Amino acid sequence: MARKKEENSKDYEELKEELKQQLVTNNNYNKVTKELLDKYVKYTMIEDKLIKDIDDRGVNVEWNNGGGQKGVKRNDSIAESTKVNAQKIKILDKLGIKAPESKGEGDEDYEV
């Protein structure tokens, strides 16, 4: 488990460095954009946890209030991940960075 966390941390650092390089290339790296970049990486971490929760518990989750009432409801992580993703897109827009676009359908190569 520690190794997985270490790998994830490395992935986030690589993401941050890649975005930083794009900002430097665009002559747009300063205190304000650094703060936005830090928020983007934090939102990415949060989004990954929400997606893991959806993977682990599913789209619908059972609930039980302890008073004899129970049922099934939609996993709240779905709505939250959508909100977090929207914030990430807004941050990229503020930074002047475009999200990668796919070169072709089913193709895993991206271009910026």
PDB file of N, CA and C in Angstrom:
ATOM      1  N   MET A   1       0.824  -1.187   0.000  1.00  0.00           N
ATOM      2  CA  MET A   1       0.000   0.000   0.000  1.00  0.00           C
ATOM      3  C   MET A   1       0.873   1.258   0.000  1.00  0.00           C
ATOM      4  N   ALA A   2       1.961   1.266   0.748  1.00  0.00           N
ATOM      5  CA  ALA A   2       2.841   2.429   0.785  1.00  0.00           C
ATOM      6  C   ALA A   2       3.432   2.691  -0.594  1.00  0.00           C
ATOM      7  N   ARG A   3       3.735   1.614  -1.320  1.00  0.00           N
ATOM      8  CA  ARG A   3       4.299   1.777  -2.661  1.00  0.00           C
ATOM      9  C   ARG A   3       3.290   2.445  -3.593  1.00  0.00           C
ATOM     10  N   LYS A   4       2.028   2.057  -3.504  1.00  0.00           N
ATOM     11  CA  LYS A   4       0.979   2.653  -4.340  1.00  0.00           C
ATOM     12  C   LYS A   4       0.870   4.143  -4.046  1.00  0.00           C
ATOM     13  N   LYS A   5       0.898   4.523  -2.764  1.00  0.00           N
ATOM     14  CA  LYS A   5       0.821   5.927  -2.385  1.00  0.00           C
ATOM     15  C   LYS A   5       2.029   6.686  -2.927  1.00  0.00           C
ATOM     16  N   GLU A   6       3.190   6.050  -2.853  1.00  0.00           N
ATOM     17  CA  GLU A   6       4.425   6.655  -3.356  1.00  0.00           C
ATOM     18  C   GLU A   6       4.330   6.885  -4.863  1.00  0.00           C
ATOM     19  N   GLU A   7       3.795   5.901  -5.594  1.00  0.00           N
ATOM     20  CA  GLU A   7       3.630   6.034  -7.038  1.00  0.00           C
ATOM     21  C   GLU A   7       2.654   7.154  -7.372  1.00  0.00           C
ATOM     22  N   ASN A   8       1.536   7.225  -6.625  1.00  0.00           N
ATOM     23  CA  ASN A   8       0.554   8.280  -6.861  1.00  0.00           C
ATOM     24  C   ASN A   8       1.169   9.648  -6.620  1.00  0.00           C
ATOM     25  N   SER A   9       1.949   9.771  -5.543  1.00  0.00           N
ATOM     26  CA  SER A   9       2.595  11.035  -5.228  1.00  0.00           C
ATOM     27  C   SER A   9       3.516  11.457  -6.365  1.00  0.00           C
ATOM     28  N   LYS A  10       4.232  10.491  -6.913  1.00  0.00           N
ATOM     29  CA  LYS A  10       5.132  10.769  -8.034  1.00  0.00           C
ATOM     30  C   LYS A  10       4.341  11.223  -9.251  1.00  0.00           C
ATOM     31  N   ASP A  11       3.192  10.591  -9.494  1.00  0.00           N
ATOM     32  CA  ASP A  11       2.337  10.980 -10.617  1.00  0.00           C
ATOM     33  C   ASP A  11       1.865  12.423 -10.477  1.00  0.00           C
ATOM     34  N   TYR A  12       1.472  12.803  -9.256  1.00  0.00           N
ATOM     35  CA  TYR A  12       1.004  14.169  -9.025  1.00  0.00           C
ATOM     36  C   TYR A  12       2.138  15.177  -9.215  1.00  0.00           C
ATOM     37  N   GLU A  13       3.321  14.816  -8.770  1.00  0.00           N
ATOM     38  CA  GLU A  13       4.473  15.704  -8.948  1.00  0.00           C
ATOM     39  C   GLU A  13       4.808  15.862 -10.434  1.00  0.00           C
ATOM     40  N   GLU A  14       4.716  14.762 -11.171  1.00  0.00           N
ATOM     41  CA  GLU A  14       4.968  14.823 -12.615  1.00  0.00           C
ATOM     42  C   GLU A  14       3.924  15.696 -13.310  1.00  0.00           C
ATOM     43  N   LEU A  15       2.667  15.551 -12.910  1.00  0.00           N
ATOM     44  CA  LEU A  15       1.598  16.371 -13.462  1.00  0.00           C
ATOM     45  C   LEU A  15       1.876  17.846 -13.187  1.00  0.00           C
ATOM     46  N   LYS A  16       2.212  18.150 -11.950  1.00  0.00           N
ATOM     47  CA  LYS A  16       2.492  19.528 -11.561  1.00  0.00           C
ATOM     48  C   LYS A  16       3.659  20.098 -12.362  1.00  0.00           C
ATOM     49  N   GLU A  17       4.708  19.303 -12.511  1.00  0.00           N
ATOM     50  CA  GLU A  17       5.882  19.769 -13.244  1.00  0.00           C
ATOM     51  C   GLU A  17       5.569  19.995 -14.718  1.00  0.00           C
ATOM     52  N   GLU A  18       4.782  19.106 -15.295  1.00  0.00           N
ATOM     53  CA  GLU A  18       4.417  19.255 -16.709  1.00  0.00           C
ATOM     54  C   GLU A  18       3.599  20.529 -16.938  1.00  0.00           C
ATOM     55  N   LEU A  19       2.641  20.767 -16.048  1.00  0.00           N
ATOM     56  CA  LEU A  19       1.831  21.976 -16.178  1.00  0.00           C
ATOM     57  C   LEU A  19       2.671  23.229 -15.918  1.00  0.00           C
ATOM     58  N   LYS A  20       3.582  23.138 -14.965  1.00  0.00           N
ATOM     59  CA  LYS A  20       4.468  24.266 -14.675  1.00  0.00           C
ATOM     60  C   LYS A  20       5.299  24.608 -15.906  1.00  0.00           C
ATOM     61  N   GLN A  21       5.819  23.585 -16.576  1.00  0.00           N
ATOM     62  CA  GLN A  21       6.627  23.825 -17.769  1.00  0.00           C
ATOM     63  C   GLN A  21       5.813  24.513 -18.862  1.00  0.00           C
ATOM     64  N   GLN A  22       4.538  24.141 -18.978  1.00  0.00           N
ATOM     65  CA  GLN A  22       3.680  24.803 -19.958  1.00  0.00           C
ATOM     66  C   GLN A  22       3.504  26.280 -19.605  1.00  0.00           C
ATOM     67  N   LEU A  23       3.357  26.568 -18.314  1.00  0.00           N
ATOM     68  CA  LEU A  23       3.212  27.958 -17.878  1.00  0.00           C
ATOM     69  C   LEU A  23       4.496  28.747 -18.118  1.00  0.00           C
ATOM     70  N   VAL A  24       5.632  28.118 -17.827  1.00  0.00           N
ATOM     71  CA  VAL A  24       6.921  28.776 -18.059  1.00  0.00           C
ATOM     72  C   VAL A  24       7.103  29.054 -19.540  1.00  0.00           C
ATOM     73  N   THR A  25       6.777  28.080 -20.379  1.00  0.00           N
ATOM     74  CA  THR A  25       6.894  28.232 -21.831  1.00  0.00           C
ATOM     75  C   THR A  25       6.028  29.384 -22.324  1.00  0.00           C
ATOM     76  N   ASN A  26       4.844  29.528 -21.709  1.00  0.00           N
ATOM     77  CA  ASN A  26       3.921  30.603 -22.101  1.00  0.00           C
ATOM     78  C   ASN A  26       4.232  31.910 -21.374  1.00  0.00           C
ATOM     79  N   ASN A  27       5.354  31.930 -20.637  1.00  0.00           N
ATOM     80  CA  ASN A  27       5.761  33.111 -19.869  1.00  0.00           C
ATOM     81  C   ASN A  27       4.636  33.557 -18.929  1.00  0.00           C
ATOM     82  N   ASN A  28       4.038  32.580 -18.248  1.00  0.00           N
ATOM     83  CA  ASN A  28       2.884  32.842 -17.398  1.00  0.00           C
ATOM     84  C   ASN A  28       3.023  32.154 -16.039  1.00  0.00           C
ATOM     85  N   TYR A  29       4.238  32.022 -15.542  1.00  0.00           N
ATOM     86  CA  TYR A  29       4.428  31.378 -14.238  1.00  0.00           C
ATOM     87  C   TYR A  29       4.777  32.445 -13.217  1.00  0.00           C
ATOM     88  N   ASN A  30       3.875  32.630 -12.231  1.00  0.00           N
ATOM     89  CA  ASN A  30       4.073  33.608 -11.175  1.00  0.00           C
ATOM     90  C   ASN A  30       3.374  33.122  -9.912  1.00  0.00           C
ATOM     91  N   LYS A  31       3.320  33.935  -8.880  1.00  0.00           N
ATOM     92  CA  LYS A  31       2.713  33.513  -7.607  1.00  0.00           C
ATOM     93  C   LYS A  31       1.259  33.098  -7.769  1.00  0.00           C
ATOM     94  N   VAL A  32       0.524  33.855  -8.547  1.00  0.00           N
ATOM     95  CA  VAL A  32      -0.902  33.573  -8.734  1.00  0.00           C
ATOM     96  C   VAL A  32      -1.091  32.258  -9.482  1.00  0.00           C
ATOM     97  N   THR A  33      -0.373  32.068 -10.592  1.00  0.00           N
ATOM     98  CA  THR A  33      -0.543  30.836 -11.356  1.00  0.00           C
ATOM     99  C   THR A  33       0.015  29.635 -10.593  1.00  0.00           C
ATOM    100  N   LYS A  34       1.032  29.855  -9.748  1.00  0.00           N
ATOM    101  CA  LYS A  34       1.559  28.758  -8.919  1.00  0.00           C
ATOM    102  C   LYS A  34       0.485  28.288  -7.940  1.00  0.00           C
ATOM    103  N   GLU A  35      -0.232  29.239  -7.345  1.00  0.00           N
ATOM    104  CA  GLU A  35      -1.303  28.884  -6.411  1.00  0.00           C
ATOM    105  C   GLU A  35      -2.419  28.116  -7.134  1.00  0.00           C
ATOM    106  N   LEU A  36      -2.780  28.583  -8.330  1.00  0.00           N
ATOM    107  CA  LEU A  36      -3.793  27.879  -9.110  1.00  0.00           C
ATOM    108  C   LEU A  36      -3.329  26.473  -9.489  1.00  0.00           C
ATOM    109  N   LEU A  37      -2.061  26.358  -9.818  1.00  0.00           N
ATOM    110  CA  LEU A  37      -1.489  25.059 -10.165  1.00  0.00           C
ATOM    111  C   LEU A  37      -1.553  24.113  -8.969  1.00  0.00           C
ATOM    112  N   ASP A  38      -1.218  24.615  -7.784  1.00  0.00           N
ATOM    113  CA  ASP A  38      -1.302  23.801  -6.566  1.00  0.00           C
ATOM    114  C   ASP A  38      -2.737  23.334  -6.319  1.00  0.00           C
ATOM    115  N   LYS A  39      -3.703  24.233  -6.530  1.00  0.00           N
ATOM    116  CA  LYS A  39      -5.117  23.866  -6.358  1.00  0.00           C
ATOM    117  C   LYS A  39      -5.525  22.807  -7.369  1.00  0.00           C
ATOM    118  N   TYR A  40      -5.047  22.949  -8.603  1.00  0.00           N
ATOM    119  CA  TYR A  40      -5.376  21.973  -9.636  1.00  0.00           C
ATOM    120  C   TYR A  40      -4.903  20.575  -9.233  1.00  0.00           C
ATOM    121  N   VAL A  41      -3.690  20.494  -8.720  1.00  0.00           N
ATOM    122  CA  VAL A  41      -3.146  19.195  -8.309  1.00  0.00           C
ATOM    123  C   VAL A  41      -3.948  18.642  -7.120  1.00  0.00           C
ATOM    124  N   LYS A  42      -4.325  19.501  -6.174  1.00  0.00           N
ATOM    125  CA  LYS A  42      -5.135  19.041  -5.037  1.00  0.00           C
ATOM    126  C   LYS A  42      -6.501  18.541  -5.505  1.00  0.00           C
ATOM    127  N   TYR A  43      -7.111  19.285  -6.431  1.00  0.00           N
ATOM    128  CA  TYR A  43      -8.387  18.830  -6.982  1.00  0.00           C
ATOM    129  C   TYR A  43      -8.230  17.495  -7.709  1.00  0.00           C
ATOM    130  N   THR A  44      -7.106  17.291  -8.369  1.00  0.00           N
ATOM    131  CA  THR A  44      -6.849  16.018  -9.033  1.00  0.00           C
ATOM    132  C   THR A  44      -6.780  14.889  -8.013  1.00  0.00           C
ATOM    133  N   MET A  45      -6.129  15.140  -6.887  1.00  0.00           N
ATOM    134  CA  MET A  45      -6.046  14.137  -5.820  1.00  0.00           C
ATOM    135  C   MET A  45      -7.433  13.805  -5.282  1.00  0.00           C
ATOM    136  N   ILE A  46      -8.243  14.843  -5.065  1.00  0.00           N
ATOM    137  CA  ILE A  46      -9.604  14.643  -4.564  1.00  0.00           C
ATOM    138  C   ILE A  46     -10.428  13.857  -5.574  1.00  0.00           C
ATOM    139  N   GLU A  47     -10.319  14.234  -6.849  1.00  0.00           N
ATOM    140  CA  GLU A  47     -11.069  13.542  -7.892  1.00  0.00           C
ATOM    141  C   GLU A  47     -10.682  12.065  -7.950  1.00  0.00           C
ATOM    142  N   ASP A  48      -9.397  11.773  -7.806  1.00  0.00           N
ATOM    143  CA  ASP A  48      -8.951  10.379  -7.825  1.00  0.00           C
ATOM    144  C   ASP A  48      -9.556   9.588  -6.671  1.00  0.00           C
ATOM    145  N   LYS A  49      -9.663  10.205  -5.491  1.00  0.00           N
ATOM    146  CA  LYS A  49     -10.279   9.528  -4.337  1.00  0.00           C
ATOM    147  C   LYS A  49     -11.769   9.294  -4.571  1.00  0.00           C
ATOM    148  N   LEU A  50     -12.431  10.267  -5.174  1.00  0.00           N
ATOM    149  CA  LEU A  50     -13.858  10.105  -5.471  1.00  0.00           C
ATOM    150  C   LEU A  50     -14.079   8.979  -6.482  1.00  0.00           C
ATOM    151  N   ILE A  51     -13.242   8.932  -7.498  1.00  0.00           N
ATOM    152  CA  ILE A  51     -13.357   7.877  -8.510  1.00  0.00           C
ATOM    153  C   ILE A  51     -13.081   6.510  -7.884  1.00  0.00           C
ATOM    154  N   LYS A  52     -12.111   6.449  -6.977  1.00  0.00           N
ATOM    155  CA  LYS A  52     -11.819   5.190  -6.285  1.00  0.00           C
ATOM    156  C   LYS A  52     -13.032   4.748  -5.469  1.00  0.00           C
ATOM    157  N   ASP A  53     -13.693   5.707  -4.814  1.00  0.00           N
ATOM    158  CA  ASP A  53     -14.885   5.382  -4.038  1.00  0.00           C
ATOM    159  C   ASP A  53     -15.979   4.820  -4.943  1.00  0.00           C
ATOM    160  N   ILE A  54     -16.152   5.421  -6.118  1.00  0.00           N
ATOM    161  CA  ILE A  54     -17.152   4.918  -7.065  1.00  0.00           C
ATOM    162  C   ILE A  54     -16.770   3.516  -7.525  1.00  0.00           C
ATOM    163  N   ASP A  55     -15.485   3.299  -7.804  1.00  0.00           N
ATOM    164  CA  ASP A  55     -15.022   1.969  -8.204  1.00  0.00           C
ATOM    165  C   ASP A  55     -15.236   0.951  -7.088  1.00  0.00           C
ATOM    166  N   ASP A  56     -14.956   1.346  -5.849  1.00  0.00           N
ATOM    167  CA  ASP A  56     -15.054   0.428  -4.709  1.00  0.00           C
ATOM    168  C   ASP A  56     -16.501   0.126  -4.325  1.00  0.00           C
ATOM    169  N   ARG A  57     -17.331   1.168  -4.239  1.00  0.00           N
ATOM    170  CA  ARG A  57     -18.696   0.986  -3.732  1.00  0.00           C
ATOM    171  C   ARG A  57     -19.757   0.917  -4.814  1.00  0.00           C
ATOM    172  N   GLY A  58     -19.414   1.376  -6.010  1.00  0.00           N
ATOM    173  CA  GLY A  58     -20.378   1.327  -7.104  1.00  0.00           C
ATOM    174  C   GLY A  58     -21.153   2.623  -7.252  1.00  0.00           C
ATOM    175  N   VAL A  59     -22.017   2.626  -8.253  1.00  0.00           N
ATOM    176  CA  VAL A  59     -22.817   3.810  -8.566  1.00  0.00           C
ATOM    177  C   VAL A  59     -23.913   4.008  -7.525  1.00  0.00           C
ATOM    178  N   ASN A  60     -24.493   2.927  -7.086  1.00  0.00           N
ATOM    179  CA  ASN A  60     -25.527   2.969  -6.057  1.00  0.00           C
ATOM    180  C   ASN A  60     -24.984   2.350  -4.778  1.00  0.00           C
ATOM    181  N   VAL A  61     -25.306   2.974  -3.642  1.00  0.00           N
ATOM    182  CA  VAL A  61     -24.826   2.479  -2.351  1.00  0.00           C
ATOM    183  C   VAL A  61     -26.012   2.250  -1.416  1.00  0.00           C
ATOM    184  N   GLU A  62     -25.865   1.268  -0.571  1.00  0.00           N
ATOM    185  CA  GLU A  62     -26.897   1.000   0.429  1.00  0.00           C
ATOM    186  C   GLU A  62     -26.704   1.928   1.607  1.00  0.00           C
ATOM    187  N   TRP A  63     -27.806   2.328   2.224  1.00  0.00           N
ATOM    188  CA  TRP A  63     -27.725   3.151   3.414  1.00  0.00           C
ATOM    189  C   TRP A  63     -28.604   2.543   4.492  1.00  0.00           C
ATOM    190  N   ASN A  64     -28.254   2.831   5.734  1.00  0.00           N
ATOM    191  CA  ASN A  64     -28.994   2.324   6.881  1.00  0.00           C
ATOM    192  C   ASN A  64     -28.851   3.361   7.981  1.00  0.00           C
ATOM    193  N   ASN A  65     -29.972   3.953   8.409  1.00  0.00           N
ATOM    194  CA  ASN A  65     -29.888   4.999   9.424  1.00  0.00           C
ATOM    195  C   ASN A  65     -29.857   4.445  10.848  1.00  0.00           C
ATOM    196  N   GLY A  66     -29.876   3.157  10.992  1.00  0.00           N
ATOM    197  CA  GLY A  66     -29.805   2.540  12.317  1.00  0.00           C
ATOM    198  C   GLY A  66     -31.146   2.476  13.015  1.00  0.00           C
ATOM    199  N   GLY A  67     -32.148   3.120  12.475  1.00  0.00           N
ATOM    200  CA  GLY A  67     -33.475   3.112  13.087  1.00  0.00           C
ATOM    201  C   GLY A  67     -34.432   2.197  12.356  1.00  0.00           C
ATOM    202  N   GLY A  68     -33.888   1.260  11.618  1.00  0.00           N
ATOM    203  CA  GLY A  68     -34.723   0.324  10.887  1.00  0.00           C
ATOM    204  C   GLY A  68     -34.993   0.735   9.457  1.00  0.00           C
ATOM    205  N   GLN A  69     -34.598   1.946   9.108  1.00  0.00           N
ATOM    206  CA  GLN A  69     -34.786   2.390   7.735  1.00  0.00           C
ATOM    207  C   GLN A  69     -33.505   2.123   6.958  1.00  0.00           C
ATOM    208  N   LYS A  70     -33.704   1.595   5.764  1.00  0.00           N
ATOM    209  CA  LYS A  70     -32.561   1.362   4.894  1.00  0.00           C
ATOM    210  C   LYS A  70     -33.027   1.406   3.458  1.00  0.00           C
ATOM    211  N   GLY A  71     -32.068   1.517   2.574  1.00  0.00           N
ATOM    212  CA  GLY A  71     -32.410   1.584   1.166  1.00  0.00           C
ATOM    213  C   GLY A  71     -31.165   1.706   0.315  1.00  0.00           C
ATOM    214  N   VAL A  72     -31.373   2.123  -0.917  1.00  0.00           N
ATOM    215  CA  VAL A  72     -30.279   2.300  -1.867  1.00  0.00           C
ATOM    216  C   VAL A  72     -30.383   3.718  -2.410  1.00  0.00           C
ATOM    217  N   LYS A  73     -29.230   4.372  -2.521  1.00  0.00           N
ATOM    218  CA  LYS A  73     -29.195   5.720  -3.091  1.00  0.00           C
ATOM    219  C   LYS A  73     -27.992   5.829  -4.009  1.00  0.00           C
ATOM    220  N   ARG A  74     -27.989   6.876  -4.806  1.00  0.00           N
ATOM    221  CA  ARG A  74     -26.863   7.133  -5.706  1.00  0.00           C
ATOM    222  C   ARG A  74     -25.657   7.532  -4.871  1.00  0.00           C
ATOM    223  N   ASN A  75     -24.491   7.039  -5.263  1.00  0.00           N
ATOM    224  CA  ASN A  75     -23.242   7.360  -4.579  1.00  0.00           C
ATOM    225  C   ASN A  75     -22.973   8.864  -4.731  1.00  0.00           C
ATOM    226  N   ASP A  76     -22.846   9.573  -3.608  1.00  0.00           N
ATOM    227  CA  ASP A  76     -22.613  11.018  -3.633  1.00  0.00           C
ATOM    228  C   ASP A  76     -21.307  11.389  -4.328  1.00  0.00           C
ATOM    229  N   SER A  77     -20.386  10.456  -4.410  1.00  0.00           N
ATOM    230  CA  SER A  77     -19.101  10.734  -5.054  1.00  0.00           C
ATOM    231  C   SER A  77     -19.251  11.043  -6.537  1.00  0.00           C
ATOM    232  N   ILE A  78     -20.340  10.577  -7.153  1.00  0.00           N
ATOM    233  CA  ILE A  78     -20.564  10.850  -8.576  1.00  0.00           C
ATOM    234  C   ILE A  78     -20.780  12.342  -8.798  1.00  0.00           C
ATOM    235  N   ALA A  79     -21.700  12.928  -8.048  1.00  0.00           N
ATOM    236  CA  ALA A  79     -21.974  14.359  -8.194  1.00  0.00           C
ATOM    237  C   ALA A  79     -20.761  15.191  -7.787  1.00  0.00           C
ATOM    238  N   GLU A  80     -20.082  14.773  -6.733  1.00  0.00           N
ATOM    239  CA  GLU A  80     -18.920  15.526  -6.266  1.00  0.00           C
ATOM    240  C   GLU A  80     -17.781  15.474  -7.278  1.00  0.00           C
ATOM    241  N   SER A  81     -17.582  14.320  -7.918  1.00  0.00           N
ATOM    242  CA  SER A  81     -16.502  14.236  -8.895  1.00  0.00           C
ATOM    243  C   SER A  81     -16.788  15.116 -10.103  1.00  0.00           C
ATOM    244  N   THR A  82     -18.052  15.247 -10.456  1.00  0.00           N
ATOM    245  CA  THR A  82     -18.437  16.131 -11.560  1.00  0.00           C
ATOM    246  C   THR A  82     -18.126  17.588 -11.211  1.00  0.00           C
ATOM    247  N   LYS A  83     -18.411  17.981  -9.973  1.00  0.00           N
ATOM    248  CA  LYS A  83     -18.129  19.349  -9.520  1.00  0.00           C
ATOM    249  C   LYS A  83     -16.627  19.619  -9.487  1.00  0.00           C
ATOM    250  N   VAL A  84     -15.877  18.658  -8.980  1.00  0.00           N
ATOM    251  CA  VAL A  84     -14.424  18.814  -8.900  1.00  0.00           C
ATOM    252  C   VAL A  84     -13.835  18.922 -10.303  1.00  0.00           C
ATOM    253  N   ASN A  85     -14.317  18.092 -11.213  1.00  0.00           N
ATOM    254  CA  ASN A  85     -13.821  18.137 -12.587  1.00  0.00           C
ATOM    255  C   ASN A  85     -14.114  19.492 -13.225  1.00  0.00           C
ATOM    256  N   ALA A  86     -15.279  20.049 -12.953  1.00  0.00           N
ATOM    257  CA  ALA A  86     -15.628  21.371 -13.496  1.00  0.00           C
ATOM    258  C   ALA A  86     -14.665  22.434 -12.967  1.00  0.00           C
ATOM    259  N   GLN A  87     -14.299  22.343 -11.696  1.00  0.00           N
ATOM    260  CA  GLN A  87     -13.349  23.294 -11.121  1.00  0.00           C
ATOM    261  C   GLN A  87     -11.980  23.146 -11.769  1.00  0.00           C
ATOM    262  N   LYS A  88     -11.574  21.914 -12.028  1.00  0.00           N
ATOM    263  CA  LYS A  88     -10.281  21.679 -12.683  1.00  0.00           C
ATOM    264  C   LYS A  88     -10.257  22.314 -14.070  1.00  0.00           C
ATOM    265  N   ILE A  89     -11.349  22.177 -14.805  1.00  0.00           N
ATOM    266  CA  ILE A  89     -11.428  22.767 -16.146  1.00  0.00           C
ATOM    267  C   ILE A  89     -11.348  24.290 -16.058  1.00  0.00           C
ATOM    268  N   LYS A  90     -12.016  24.876 -15.072  1.00  0.00           N
ATOM    269  CA  LYS A  90     -11.965  26.328 -14.891  1.00  0.00           C
ATOM    270  C   LYS A  90     -10.545  26.786 -14.563  1.00  0.00           C
ATOM    271  N   ILE A  91      -9.847  26.020 -13.738  1.00  0.00           N
ATOM    272  CA  ILE A  91      -8.469  26.379 -13.388  1.00  0.00           C
ATOM    273  C   ILE A  91      -7.581  26.328 -14.625  1.00  0.00           C
ATOM    274  N   LEU A  92      -7.705  25.263 -15.419  1.00  0.00           N
ATOM    275  CA  LEU A  92      -6.915  25.181 -16.655  1.00  0.00           C
ATOM    276  C   LEU A  92      -7.202  26.367 -17.557  1.00  0.00           C
ATOM    277  N   ASP A  93      -8.463  26.766 -17.631  1.00  0.00           N
ATOM    278  CA  ASP A  93      -8.840  27.906 -18.458  1.00  0.00           C
ATOM    279  C   ASP A  93      -8.175  29.186 -17.933  1.00  0.00           C
ATOM    280  N   LYS A  94      -8.210  29.376 -16.611  1.00  0.00           N
ATOM    281  CA  LYS A  94      -7.572  30.565 -16.011  1.00  0.00           C
ATOM    282  C   LYS A  94      -6.068  30.563 -16.257  1.00  0.00           C
ATOM    283  N   LEU A  95      -5.466  29.372 -16.260  1.00  0.00           N
ATOM    284  CA  LEU A  95      -4.032  29.258 -16.489  1.00  0.00           C
ATOM    285  C   LEU A  95      -3.669  29.400 -17.961  1.00  0.00           C
ATOM    286  N   GLY A  96      -4.679  29.327 -18.828  1.00  0.00           N
ATOM    287  CA  GLY A  96      -4.418  29.418 -20.263  1.00  0.00           C
ATOM    288  C   GLY A  96      -3.865  28.129 -20.835  1.00  0.00           C
ATOM    289  N   ILE A  97      -4.185  27.019 -20.174  1.00  0.00           N
ATOM    290  CA  ILE A  97      -3.718  25.701 -20.621  1.00  0.00           C
ATOM    291  C   ILE A  97      -4.917  24.934 -21.150  1.00  0.00           C
ATOM    292  N   LYS A  98      -4.766  24.363 -22.331  1.00  0.00           N
ATOM    293  CA  LYS A  98      -5.832  23.562 -22.906  1.00  0.00           C
ATOM    294  C   LYS A  98      -5.633  22.107 -22.521  1.00  0.00           C
ATOM    295  N   ALA A  99      -6.731  21.427 -22.252  1.00  0.00           N
ATOM    296  CA  ALA A  99      -6.673  20.000 -21.960  1.00  0.00           C
ATOM    297  C   ALA A  99      -6.241  19.258 -23.211  1.00  0.00           C
ATOM    298  N   PRO A 100      -5.542  18.154 -23.049  1.00  0.00           N
ATOM    299  CA  PRO A 100      -5.108  17.388 -24.220  1.00  0.00           C
ATOM    300  C   PRO A 100      -6.293  16.896 -25.031  1.00  0.00           C
ATOM    301  N   GLU A 101      -6.134  16.889 -26.343  1.00  0.00           N
ATOM    302  CA  GLU A 101      -7.168  16.379 -27.238  1.00  0.00           C
ATOM    303  C   GLU A 101      -6.680  15.086 -27.854  1.00  0.00           C
ATOM    304  N   SER A 102      -7.583  14.145 -28.011  1.00  0.00           N
ATOM    305  CA  SER A 102      -7.231  12.862 -28.596  1.00  0.00           C
ATOM    306  C   SER A 102      -6.936  13.044 -30.075  1.00  0.00           C
ATOM    307  N   LYS A 103      -5.915  12.339 -30.576  1.00  0.00           N
ATOM    308  CA  LYS A 103      -5.566  12.397 -32.003  1.00  0.00           C
ATOM    309  C   LYS A 103      -6.576  11.622 -32.841  1.00  0.00           C
ATOM    310  N   GLY A 104      -7.120  10.580 -32.280  1.00  0.00           N
ATOM    311  CA  GLY A 104      -8.070   9.773 -33.035  1.00  0.00           C
ATOM    312  C   GLY A 104      -8.884   8.924 -32.083  1.00  0.00           C
ATOM    313  N   GLU A 105      -9.998   8.439 -32.562  1.00  0.00           N
ATOM    314  CA  GLU A 105     -10.865   7.627 -31.731  1.00  0.00           C
ATOM    315  C   GLU A 105     -10.154   6.348 -31.333  1.00  0.00           C
ATOM    316  N   GLY A 106     -10.119   6.077 -30.037  1.00  0.00           N
ATOM    317  CA  GLY A 106      -9.475   4.880 -29.537  1.00  0.00           C
ATOM    318  C   GLY A 106      -7.960   4.992 -29.468  1.00  0.00           C
ATOM    319  N   ASP A 107      -7.417   6.106 -29.908  1.00  0.00           N
ATOM    320  CA  ASP A 107      -5.984   6.325 -29.897  1.00  0.00           C
ATOM    321  C   ASP A 107      -5.580   6.903 -28.550  1.00  0.00           C
ATOM    322  N   GLU A 108      -4.564   6.345 -27.926  1.00  0.00           N
ATOM    323  CA  GLU A 108      -4.163   6.813 -26.611  1.00  0.00           C
ATOM    324  C   GLU A 108      -3.145   7.930 -26.653  1.00  0.00           C
ATOM    325  N   ASP A 109      -2.705   8.336 -27.835  1.00  0.00           N
ATOM    326  CA  ASP A 109      -1.768   9.453 -27.945  1.00  0.00           C
ATOM    327  C   ASP A 109      -2.546  10.755 -27.911  1.00  0.00           C
ATOM    328  N   TYR A 110      -1.978  11.743 -27.252  1.00  0.00           N
ATOM    329  CA  TYR A 110      -2.638  13.040 -27.130  1.00  0.00           C
ATOM    330  C   TYR A 110      -1.731  14.128 -27.633  1.00  0.00           C
ATOM    331  N   GLU A 111      -2.345  15.214 -28.038  1.00  0.00           N
ATOM    332  CA  GLU A 111      -1.583  16.394 -28.397  1.00  0.00           C
ATOM    333  C   GLU A 111      -2.204  17.581 -27.678  1.00  0.00           C
ATOM    334  N   VAL A 112      -1.395  18.575 -27.387  1.00  0.00           N
ATOM    335  CA  VAL A 112      -1.893  19.744 -26.659  1.00  0.00           C
ATOM    336  C   VAL A 112      -2.072  20.877 -27.631  1.00  0.00           C
TER     337      VAL A 112
END
